[in-house]
Amino acid sequence: LPLLEVASGLIFSLPVAIAVNSIGIMF
């Protein structure tokens, strides 16, 4: 899971990355 969370941080702005990771965690 940390690999995906870090990858989102690298790819997106912080608000978008947190939103994407939140949706991902729900999945």
mmCIF file of all heavy atoms, coordinates in Angstrom:
data_MODEL
# 
_entry.id   MODEL 
# 
loop_
_atom_site.group_PDB 
_atom_site.id 
_atom_site.type_symbol 
_atom_site.label_atom_id 
_atom_site.label_alt_id 
_atom_site.label_comp_id 
_atom_site.label_asym_id 
_atom_site.label_entity_id 
_atom_site.label_seq_id 
_atom_site.pdbx_PDB_ins_code 
_atom_site.Cartn_x 
_atom_site.Cartn_y 
_atom_site.Cartn_z 
_atom_site.occupancy 
_atom_site.B_iso_or_equiv 
_atom_site.pdbx_formal_charge 
_atom_site.auth_seq_id 
_atom_site.auth_comp_id 
_atom_site.auth_asym_id 
_atom_site.auth_atom_id 
_atom_site.pdbx_PDB_model_num 
ATOM 1   N N   . LEU A 1 1  ? 0.819   -1.215 0.000   1.00 0.00 ? 1  LEU A N   1 
ATOM 2   C CA  . LEU A 1 1  ? 0.000   0.000  0.000   1.00 0.00 ? 1  LEU A CA  1 
ATOM 3   C C   . LEU A 1 1  ? 0.856   1.270  0.000   1.00 0.00 ? 1  LEU A C   1 
ATOM 4   O O   . LEU A 1 1  ? 0.560   2.211  -0.746  1.00 0.00 ? 1  LEU A O   1 
ATOM 5   C CB  . LEU A 1 1  ? -0.949  -0.009 1.203   1.00 0.00 ? 1  LEU A CB  1 
ATOM 6   C CG  . LEU A 1 1  ? -1.954  1.144  1.291   1.00 0.00 ? 1  LEU A CG  1 
ATOM 7   C CD1 . LEU A 1 1  ? -2.927  1.101  0.124   1.00 0.00 ? 1  LEU A CD1 1 
ATOM 8   C CD2 . LEU A 1 1  ? -2.715  1.073  2.616   1.00 0.00 ? 1  LEU A CD2 1 
ATOM 9   N N   . PRO A 1 2  ? 1.933   1.342  0.809   1.00 0.00 ? 2  PRO A N   1 
ATOM 10  C CA  . PRO A 1 2  ? 2.761   2.567  0.814   1.00 0.00 ? 2  PRO A CA  1 
ATOM 11  C C   . PRO A 1 2  ? 3.325   2.917  -0.559  1.00 0.00 ? 2  PRO A C   1 
ATOM 12  O O   . PRO A 1 2  ? 3.501   4.101  -0.874  1.00 0.00 ? 2  PRO A O   1 
ATOM 13  C CB  . PRO A 1 2  ? 3.892   2.227  1.790   1.00 0.00 ? 2  PRO A CB  1 
ATOM 14  C CG  . PRO A 1 2  ? 3.304   1.215  2.713   1.00 0.00 ? 2  PRO A CG  1 
ATOM 15  C CD  . PRO A 1 2  ? 2.396   0.398  1.843   1.00 0.00 ? 2  PRO A CD  1 
ATOM 16  N N   . LEU A 1 3  ? 3.599   1.899  -1.389  1.00 0.00 ? 3  LEU A N   1 
ATOM 17  C CA  . LEU A 1 3  ? 4.137   2.151  -2.730  1.00 0.00 ? 3  LEU A CA  1 
ATOM 18  C C   . LEU A 1 3  ? 3.155   2.965  -3.565  1.00 0.00 ? 3  LEU A C   1 
ATOM 19  O O   . LEU A 1 3  ? 3.542   3.918  -4.252  1.00 0.00 ? 3  LEU A O   1 
ATOM 20  C CB  . LEU A 1 3  ? 4.435   0.818  -3.420  1.00 0.00 ? 3  LEU A CB  1 
ATOM 21  C CG  . LEU A 1 3  ? 5.149   0.890  -4.777  1.00 0.00 ? 3  LEU A CG  1 
ATOM 22  C CD1 . LEU A 1 3  ? 6.562   1.402  -4.604  1.00 0.00 ? 3  LEU A CD1 1 
ATOM 23  C CD2 . LEU A 1 3  ? 5.163   -0.479 -5.438  1.00 0.00 ? 3  LEU A CD2 1 
ATOM 24  N N   . LEU A 1 4  ? 1.872   2.624  -3.481  1.00 0.00 ? 4  LEU A N   1 
ATOM 25  C CA  . LEU A 1 4  ? 0.850   3.353  -4.239  1.00 0.00 ? 4  LEU A CA  1 
ATOM 26  C C   . LEU A 1 4  ? 0.640   4.753  -3.670  1.00 0.00 ? 4  LEU A C   1 
ATOM 27  O O   . LEU A 1 4  ? 0.441   5.710  -4.421  1.00 0.00 ? 4  LEU A O   1 
ATOM 28  C CB  . LEU A 1 4  ? -0.467  2.576  -4.213  1.00 0.00 ? 4  LEU A CB  1 
ATOM 29  C CG  . LEU A 1 4  ? -0.457  1.212  -4.920  1.00 0.00 ? 4  LEU A CG  1 
ATOM 30  C CD1 . LEU A 1 4  ? -1.787  0.492  -4.717  1.00 0.00 ? 4  LEU A CD1 1 
ATOM 31  C CD2 . LEU A 1 4  ? -0.163  1.372  -6.401  1.00 0.00 ? 4  LEU A CD2 1 
ATOM 32  N N   . GLU A 1 5  ? 0.693   4.877  -2.357  1.00 0.00 ? 5  GLU A N   1 
ATOM 33  C CA  . GLU A 1 5  ? 0.494   6.180  -1.719  1.00 0.00 ? 5  GLU A CA  1 
ATOM 34  C C   . GLU A 1 5  ? 1.630   7.140  -2.070  1.00 0.00 ? 5  GLU A C   1 
ATOM 35  O O   . GLU A 1 5  ? 1.389   8.316  -2.367  1.00 0.00 ? 5  GLU A O   1 
ATOM 36  C CB  . GLU A 1 5  ? 0.393   5.993  -0.202  1.00 0.00 ? 5  GLU A CB  1 
ATOM 37  C CG  . GLU A 1 5  ? -0.865  5.246  0.215   1.00 0.00 ? 5  GLU A CG  1 
ATOM 38  C CD  . GLU A 1 5  ? -0.861  4.788  1.647   1.00 0.00 ? 5  GLU A CD  1 
ATOM 39  O OE1 . GLU A 1 5  ? 0.236   4.674  2.250   1.00 0.00 ? 5  GLU A OE1 1 
ATOM 40  O OE2 . GLU A 1 5  ? -1.944  4.517  2.193   1.00 0.00 ? 5  GLU A OE2 1 
ATOM 41  N N   . VAL A 1 6  ? 2.852   6.631  -2.057  1.00 0.00 ? 6  VAL A N   1 
ATOM 42  C CA  . VAL A 1 6  ? 4.010   7.451  -2.433  1.00 0.00 ? 6  VAL A CA  1 
ATOM 43  C C   . VAL A 1 6  ? 3.957   7.820  -3.911  1.00 0.00 ? 6  VAL A C   1 
ATOM 44  O O   . VAL A 1 6  ? 4.243   8.962  -4.295  1.00 0.00 ? 6  VAL A O   1 
ATOM 45  C CB  . VAL A 1 6  ? 5.331   6.710  -2.104  1.00 0.00 ? 6  VAL A CB  1 
ATOM 46  C CG1 . VAL A 1 6  ? 6.532   7.448  -2.697  1.00 0.00 ? 6  VAL A CG1 1 
ATOM 47  C CG2 . VAL A 1 6  ? 5.507   6.571  -0.590  1.00 0.00 ? 6  VAL A CG2 1 
ATOM 48  N N   . ALA A 1 7  ? 3.565   6.852  -4.747  1.00 0.00 ? 7  ALA A N   1 
ATOM 49  C CA  . ALA A 1 7  ? 3.465   7.105  -6.192  1.00 0.00 ? 7  ALA A CA  1 
ATOM 50  C C   . ALA A 1 7  ? 2.464   8.215  -6.494  1.00 0.00 ? 7  ALA A C   1 
ATOM 51  O O   . ALA A 1 7  ? 2.724   9.091  -7.326  1.00 0.00 ? 7  ALA A O   1 
ATOM 52  C CB  . ALA A 1 7  ? 3.055   5.827  -6.921  1.00 0.00 ? 7  ALA A CB  1 
ATOM 53  N N   . SER A 1 8  ? 1.332   8.224  -5.806  1.00 0.00 ? 8  SER A N   1 
ATOM 54  C CA  . SER A 1 8  ? 0.344   9.293  -6.003  1.00 0.00 ? 8  SER A CA  1 
ATOM 55  C C   . SER A 1 8  ? 0.922   10.642 -5.612  1.00 0.00 ? 8  SER A C   1 
ATOM 56  O O   . SER A 1 8  ? 0.672   11.656 -6.267  1.00 0.00 ? 8  SER A O   1 
ATOM 57  C CB  . SER A 1 8  ? -0.919  9.010  -5.162  1.00 0.00 ? 8  SER A CB  1 
ATOM 58  O OG  . SER A 1 8  ? -1.665  7.953  -5.713  1.00 0.00 ? 8  SER A OG  1 
ATOM 59  N N   . GLY A 1 9  ? 1.695   10.654 -4.525  1.00 0.00 ? 9  GLY A N   1 
ATOM 60  C CA  . GLY A 1 9  ? 2.347   11.889 -4.106  1.00 0.00 ? 9  GLY A CA  1 
ATOM 61  C C   . GLY A 1 9  ? 3.315   12.417 -5.138  1.00 0.00 ? 9  GLY A C   1 
ATOM 62  O O   . GLY A 1 9  ? 3.468   13.633 -5.316  1.00 0.00 ? 9  GLY A O   1 
ATOM 63  N N   . LEU A 1 10 ? 3.968   11.511 -5.837  1.00 0.00 ? 10 LEU A N   1 
ATOM 64  C CA  . LEU A 1 10 ? 4.909   11.896 -6.897  1.00 0.00 ? 10 LEU A CA  1 
ATOM 65  C C   . LEU A 1 10 ? 4.195   12.436 -8.130  1.00 0.00 ? 10 LEU A C   1 
ATOM 66  O O   . LEU A 1 10 ? 4.682   13.354 -8.793  1.00 0.00 ? 10 LEU A O   1 
ATOM 67  C CB  . LEU A 1 10 ? 5.747   10.679 -7.300  1.00 0.00 ? 10 LEU A CB  1 
ATOM 68  C CG  . LEU A 1 10 ? 7.108   10.491 -6.635  1.00 0.00 ? 10 LEU A CG  1 
ATOM 69  C CD1 . LEU A 1 10 ? 7.633   9.100  -6.905  1.00 0.00 ? 10 LEU A CD1 1 
ATOM 70  C CD2 . LEU A 1 10 ? 8.091   11.535 -7.131  1.00 0.00 ? 10 LEU A CD2 1 
ATOM 71  N N   . ILE A 1 11 ? 3.049   11.851 -8.445  1.00 0.00 ? 11 ILE A N   1 
ATOM 72  C CA  . ILE A 1 11 ? 2.365   12.163 -9.703  1.00 0.00 ? 11 ILE A CA  1 
ATOM 73  C C   . ILE A 1 11 ? 1.482   13.405 -9.613  1.00 0.00 ? 11 ILE A C   1 
ATOM 74  O O   . ILE A 1 11 ? 1.465   14.232 -10.532 1.00 0.00 ? 11 ILE A O   1 
ATOM 75  C CB  . ILE A 1 11 ? 1.509   10.955 -10.149 1.00 0.00 ? 11 ILE A CB  1 
ATOM 76  C CG1 . ILE A 1 11 ? 2.408   9.752  -10.445 1.00 0.00 ? 11 ILE A CG1 1 
ATOM 77  C CG2 . ILE A 1 11 ? 0.667   11.298 -11.374 1.00 0.00 ? 11 ILE A CG2 1 
ATOM 78  C CD1 . ILE A 1 11 ? 1.653   8.442  -10.586 1.00 0.00 ? 11 ILE A CD1 1 
ATOM 79  N N   . PHE A 1 12 ? 0.746   13.550 -8.501  1.00 0.00 ? 12 PHE A N   1 
ATOM 80  C CA  . PHE A 1 12 ? -0.287  14.583 -8.406  1.00 0.00 ? 12 PHE A CA  1 
ATOM 81  C C   . PHE A 1 12 ? 0.087   15.690 -7.418  1.00 0.00 ? 12 PHE A C   1 
ATOM 82  O O   . PHE A 1 12 ? 1.017   15.552 -6.634  1.00 0.00 ? 12 PHE A O   1 
ATOM 83  C CB  . PHE A 1 12 ? -1.614  13.960 -7.945  1.00 0.00 ? 12 PHE A CB  1 
ATOM 84  C CG  . PHE A 1 12 ? -2.062  12.782 -8.753  1.00 0.00 ? 12 PHE A CG  1 
ATOM 85  C CD1 . PHE A 1 12 ? -1.995  11.503 -8.237  1.00 0.00 ? 12 PHE A CD1 1 
ATOM 86  C CD2 . PHE A 1 12 ? -2.551  12.948 -10.040 1.00 0.00 ? 12 PHE A CD2 1 
ATOM 87  C CE1 . PHE A 1 12 ? -2.414  10.409 -8.973  1.00 0.00 ? 12 PHE A CE1 1 
ATOM 88  C CE2 . PHE A 1 12 ? -2.972  11.861 -10.794 1.00 0.00 ? 12 PHE A CE2 1 
ATOM 89  C CZ  . PHE A 1 12 ? -2.897  10.587 -10.255 1.00 0.00 ? 12 PHE A CZ  1 
ATOM 90  N N   . SER A 1 13 ? -0.691  16.783 -7.486  1.00 0.00 ? 13 SER A N   1 
ATOM 91  C CA  . SER A 1 13 ? -0.604  17.795 -6.438  1.00 0.00 ? 13 SER A CA  1 
ATOM 92  C C   . SER A 1 13 ? -1.108  17.172 -5.140  1.00 0.00 ? 13 SER A C   1 
ATOM 93  O O   . SER A 1 13 ? -1.823  16.160 -5.166  1.00 0.00 ? 13 SER A O   1 
ATOM 94  C CB  . SER A 1 13 ? -1.465  19.014 -6.796  1.00 0.00 ? 13 SER A CB  1 
ATOM 95  O OG  . SER A 1 13 ? -2.837  18.646 -6.826  1.00 0.00 ? 13 SER A OG  1 
ATOM 96  N N   . LEU A 1 14 ? -0.765  17.758 -4.000  1.00 0.00 ? 14 LEU A N   1 
ATOM 97  C CA  . LEU A 1 14 ? -1.097  17.147 -2.709  1.00 0.00 ? 14 LEU A CA  1 
ATOM 98  C C   . LEU A 1 14 ? -2.599  16.905 -2.523  1.00 0.00 ? 14 LEU A C   1 
ATOM 99  O O   . LEU A 1 14 ? -2.993  15.792 -2.148  1.00 0.00 ? 14 LEU A O   1 
ATOM 100 C CB  . LEU A 1 14 ? -0.541  17.993 -1.560  1.00 0.00 ? 14 LEU A CB  1 
ATOM 101 C CG  . LEU A 1 14 ? -0.683  17.390 -0.154  1.00 0.00 ? 14 LEU A CG  1 
ATOM 102 C CD1 . LEU A 1 14 ? 0.007   16.033 -0.067  1.00 0.00 ? 14 LEU A CD1 1 
ATOM 103 C CD2 . LEU A 1 14 ? -0.114  18.347 0.894   1.00 0.00 ? 14 LEU A CD2 1 
ATOM 104 N N   . PRO A 1 15 ? -3.476  17.888 -2.792  1.00 0.00 ? 15 PRO A N   1 
ATOM 105 C CA  . PRO A 1 15 ? -4.915  17.628 -2.606  1.00 0.00 ? 15 PRO A CA  1 
ATOM 106 C C   . PRO A 1 15 ? -5.442  16.500 -3.492  1.00 0.00 ? 15 PRO A C   1 
ATOM 107 O O   . PRO A 1 15 ? -6.232  15.663 -3.049  1.00 0.00 ? 15 PRO A O   1 
ATOM 108 C CB  . PRO A 1 15 ? -5.572  18.962 -2.968  1.00 0.00 ? 15 PRO A CB  1 
ATOM 109 C CG  . PRO A 1 15 ? -4.500  19.981 -2.795  1.00 0.00 ? 15 PRO A CG  1 
ATOM 110 C CD  . PRO A 1 15 ? -3.232  19.294 -3.182  1.00 0.00 ? 15 PRO A CD  1 
ATOM 111 N N   . VAL A 1 16 ? -4.994  16.482 -4.762  1.00 0.00 ? 16 VAL A N   1 
ATOM 112 C CA  . VAL A 1 16 ? -5.447  15.440 -5.686  1.00 0.00 ? 16 VAL A CA  1 
ATOM 113 C C   . VAL A 1 16 ? -4.902  14.078 -5.254  1.00 0.00 ? 16 VAL A C   1 
ATOM 114 O O   . VAL A 1 16 ? -5.624  13.065 -5.275  1.00 0.00 ? 16 VAL A O   1 
ATOM 115 C CB  . VAL A 1 16 ? -5.003  15.756 -7.136  1.00 0.00 ? 16 VAL A CB  1 
ATOM 116 C CG1 . VAL A 1 16 ? -5.337  14.588 -8.068  1.00 0.00 ? 16 VAL A CG1 1 
ATOM 117 C CG2 . VAL A 1 16 ? -5.663  17.029 -7.631  1.00 0.00 ? 16 VAL A CG2 1 
ATOM 118 N N   . ALA A 1 17 ? -3.637  14.053 -4.834  1.00 0.00 ? 17 ALA A N   1 
ATOM 119 C CA  . ALA A 1 17 ? -3.016  12.794 -4.399  1.00 0.00 ? 17 ALA A CA  1 
ATOM 120 C C   . ALA A 1 17 ? -3.739  12.211 -3.187  1.00 0.00 ? 17 ALA A C   1 
ATOM 121 O O   . ALA A 1 17 ? -3.989  10.999 -3.119  1.00 0.00 ? 17 ALA A O   1 
ATOM 122 C CB  . ALA A 1 17 ? -1.546  13.027 -4.069  1.00 0.00 ? 17 ALA A CB  1 
ATOM 123 N N   . ILE A 1 18 ? -4.098  13.060 -2.228  1.00 0.00 ? 18 ILE A N   1 
ATOM 124 C CA  . ILE A 1 18 ? -4.817  12.592 -1.037  1.00 0.00 ? 18 ILE A CA  1 
ATOM 125 C C   . ILE A 1 18 ? -6.199  12.066 -1.431  1.00 0.00 ? 18 ILE A C   1 
ATOM 126 O O   . ILE A 1 18 ? -6.655  11.037 -0.918  1.00 0.00 ? 18 ILE A O   1 
ATOM 127 C CB  . ILE A 1 18 ? -4.924  13.715 0.014   1.00 0.00 ? 18 ILE A CB  1 
ATOM 128 C CG1 . ILE A 1 18 ? -3.539  13.978 0.624   1.00 0.00 ? 18 ILE A CG1 1 
ATOM 129 C CG2 . ILE A 1 18 ? -5.926  13.345 1.115   1.00 0.00 ? 18 ILE A CG2 1 
ATOM 130 C CD1 . ILE A 1 18 ? -3.492  15.163 1.573   1.00 0.00 ? 18 ILE A CD1 1 
ATOM 131 N N   . ALA A 1 19 ? -6.857  12.769 -2.360  1.00 0.00 ? 19 ALA A N   1 
ATOM 132 C CA  . ALA A 1 19 ? -8.179  12.321 -2.828  1.00 0.00 ? 19 ALA A CA  1 
ATOM 133 C C   . ALA A 1 19 ? -8.082  10.965 -3.532  1.00 0.00 ? 19 ALA A C   1 
ATOM 134 O O   . ALA A 1 19 ? -8.894  10.056 -3.269  1.00 0.00 ? 19 ALA A O   1 
ATOM 135 C CB  . ALA A 1 19 ? -8.781  13.364 -3.766  1.00 0.00 ? 19 ALA A CB  1 
ATOM 136 N N   . VAL A 1 20 ? -7.093  10.814 -4.419  1.00 0.00 ? 20 VAL A N   1 
ATOM 137 C CA  . VAL A 1 20 ? -6.907  9.552  -5.150  1.00 0.00 ? 20 VAL A CA  1 
ATOM 138 C C   . VAL A 1 20 ? -6.583  8.420  -4.185  1.00 0.00 ? 20 VAL A C   1 
ATOM 139 O O   . VAL A 1 20 ? -7.155  7.325  -4.268  1.00 0.00 ? 20 VAL A O   1 
ATOM 140 C CB  . VAL A 1 20 ? -5.786  9.690  -6.207  1.00 0.00 ? 20 VAL A CB  1 
ATOM 141 C CG1 . VAL A 1 20 ? -5.406  8.317  -6.786  1.00 0.00 ? 20 VAL A CG1 1 
ATOM 142 C CG2 . VAL A 1 20 ? -6.223  10.615 -7.331  1.00 0.00 ? 20 VAL A CG2 1 
ATOM 143 N N   . ASN A 1 21 ? -5.682  8.676  -3.241  1.00 0.00 ? 21 ASN A N   1 
ATOM 144 C CA  . ASN A 1 21 ? -5.319  7.650  -2.267  1.00 0.00 ? 21 ASN A CA  1 
ATOM 145 C C   . ASN A 1 21 ? -6.492  7.284  -1.352  1.00 0.00 ? 21 ASN A C   1 
ATOM 146 O O   . ASN A 1 21 ? -6.643  6.125  -0.955  1.00 0.00 ? 21 ASN A O   1 
ATOM 147 C CB  . ASN A 1 21 ? -4.129  8.117  -1.425  1.00 0.00 ? 21 ASN A CB  1 
ATOM 148 C CG  . ASN A 1 21 ? -2.815  8.001  -2.165  1.00 0.00 ? 21 ASN A CG  1 
ATOM 149 O OD1 . ASN A 1 21 ? -2.686  7.213  -3.100  1.00 0.00 ? 21 ASN A OD1 1 
ATOM 150 N ND2 . ASN A 1 21 ? -1.825  8.782  -1.777  1.00 0.00 ? 21 ASN A ND2 1 
ATOM 151 N N   . SER A 1 22 ? -7.316  8.267  -1.029  1.00 0.00 ? 22 SER A N   1 
ATOM 152 C CA  . SER A 1 22 ? -8.497  7.995  -0.198  1.00 0.00 ? 22 SER A CA  1 
ATOM 153 C C   . SER A 1 22 ? -9.468  7.069  -0.920  1.00 0.00 ? 22 SER A C   1 
ATOM 154 O O   . SER A 1 22 ? -9.989  6.108  -0.331  1.00 0.00 ? 22 SER A O   1 
ATOM 155 C CB  . SER A 1 22 ? -9.209  9.306  0.172   1.00 0.00 ? 22 SER A CB  1 
ATOM 156 O OG  . SER A 1 22 ? -8.384  10.126 0.979   1.00 0.00 ? 22 SER A OG  1 
ATOM 157 N N   . ILE A 1 23 ? -9.704  7.349  -2.207  1.00 0.00 ? 23 ILE A N   1 
ATOM 158 C CA  . ILE A 1 23 ? -10.574 6.483  -3.009  1.00 0.00 ? 23 ILE A CA  1 
ATOM 159 C C   . ILE A 1 23 ? -9.966  5.087  -3.121  1.00 0.00 ? 23 ILE A C   1 
ATOM 160 O O   . ILE A 1 23 ? -10.662 4.065  -2.992  1.00 0.00 ? 23 ILE A O   1 
ATOM 161 C CB  . ILE A 1 23 ? -10.801 7.081  -4.410  1.00 0.00 ? 23 ILE A CB  1 
ATOM 162 C CG1 . ILE A 1 23 ? -11.593 8.392  -4.307  1.00 0.00 ? 23 ILE A CG1 1 
ATOM 163 C CG2 . ILE A 1 23 ? -11.532 6.090  -5.318  1.00 0.00 ? 23 ILE A CG2 1 
ATOM 164 C CD1 . ILE A 1 23 ? -11.632 9.194  -5.602  1.00 0.00 ? 23 ILE A CD1 1 
ATOM 165 N N   . GLY A 1 24 ? -8.655  5.045  -3.329  1.00 0.00 ? 24 GLY A N   1 
ATOM 166 C CA  . GLY A 1 24 ? -7.957  3.758  -3.442  1.00 0.00 ? 24 GLY A CA  1 
ATOM 167 C C   . GLY A 1 24 ? -8.068  2.927  -2.174  1.00 0.00 ? 24 GLY A C   1 
ATOM 168 O O   . GLY A 1 24 ? -8.301  1.715  -2.229  1.00 0.00 ? 24 GLY A O   1 
ATOM 169 N N   . ILE A 1 25 ? -7.918  3.568  -1.022  1.00 0.00 ? 25 ILE A N   1 
ATOM 170 C CA  . ILE A 1 25 ? -8.034  2.858  0.259   1.00 0.00 ? 25 ILE A CA  1 
ATOM 171 C C   . ILE A 1 25 ? -9.443  2.301  0.431   1.00 0.00 ? 25 ILE A C   1 
ATOM 172 O O   . ILE A 1 25 ? -9.628  1.182  0.930   1.00 0.00 ? 25 ILE A O   1 
ATOM 173 C CB  . ILE A 1 25 ? -7.657  3.791  1.423   1.00 0.00 ? 25 ILE A CB  1 
ATOM 174 C CG1 . ILE A 1 25 ? -6.137  4.002  1.449   1.00 0.00 ? 25 ILE A CG1 1 
ATOM 175 C CG2 . ILE A 1 25 ? -8.121  3.224  2.769   1.00 0.00 ? 25 ILE A CG2 1 
ATOM 176 C CD1 . ILE A 1 25 ? -5.665  5.048  2.432   1.00 0.00 ? 25 ILE A CD1 1 
ATOM 177 N N   . MET A 1 26 ? -10.445 3.083  0.009   1.00 0.00 ? 26 MET A N   1 
ATOM 178 C CA  . MET A 1 26 ? -11.822 2.596  0.090   1.00 0.00 ? 26 MET A CA  1 
ATOM 179 C C   . MET A 1 26 ? -11.995 1.330  -0.757  1.00 0.00 ? 26 MET A C   1 
ATOM 180 O O   . MET A 1 26 ? -12.687 0.390  -0.340  1.00 0.00 ? 26 MET A O   1 
ATOM 181 C CB  . MET A 1 26 ? -12.795 3.679  -0.367  1.00 0.00 ? 26 MET A CB  1 
ATOM 182 C CG  . MET A 1 26 ? -12.873 4.875  0.562   1.00 0.00 ? 26 MET A CG  1 
ATOM 183 S SD  . MET A 1 26 ? -13.386 4.442  2.238   1.00 0.00 ? 26 MET A SD  1 
ATOM 184 C CE  . MET A 1 26 ? -15.081 3.977  1.947   1.00 0.00 ? 26 MET A CE  1 
ATOM 185 N N   . PHE A 1 27 ? -11.362 1.286  -1.926  1.00 0.00 ? 27 PHE A N   1 
ATOM 186 C CA  . PHE A 1 27 ? -11.389 0.091  -2.763  1.00 0.00 ? 27 PHE A CA  1 
ATOM 187 C C   . PHE A 1 27 ? -10.755 -1.087 -2.028  1.00 0.00 ? 27 PHE A C   1 
ATOM 188 O O   . PHE A 1 27 ? -11.273 -2.208 -2.088  1.00 0.00 ? 27 PHE A O   1 
ATOM 189 C CB  . PHE A 1 27 ? -10.636 0.328  -4.075  1.00 0.00 ? 27 PHE A CB  1 
ATOM 190 C CG  . PHE A 1 27 ? -11.501 0.825  -5.198  1.00 0.00 ? 27 PHE A CG  1 
ATOM 191 C CD1 . PHE A 1 27 ? -12.053 2.089  -5.157  1.00 0.00 ? 27 PHE A CD1 1 
ATOM 192 C CD2 . PHE A 1 27 ? -11.765 0.034  -6.298  1.00 0.00 ? 27 PHE A CD2 1 
ATOM 193 C CE1 . PHE A 1 27 ? -12.861 2.554  -6.186  1.00 0.00 ? 27 PHE A CE1 1 
ATOM 194 C CE2 . PHE A 1 27 ? -12.564 0.486  -7.336  1.00 0.00 ? 27 PHE A CE2 1 
ATOM 195 C CZ  . PHE A 1 27 ? -13.114 1.751  -7.274  1.00 0.00 ? 27 PHE A CZ  1 
# 
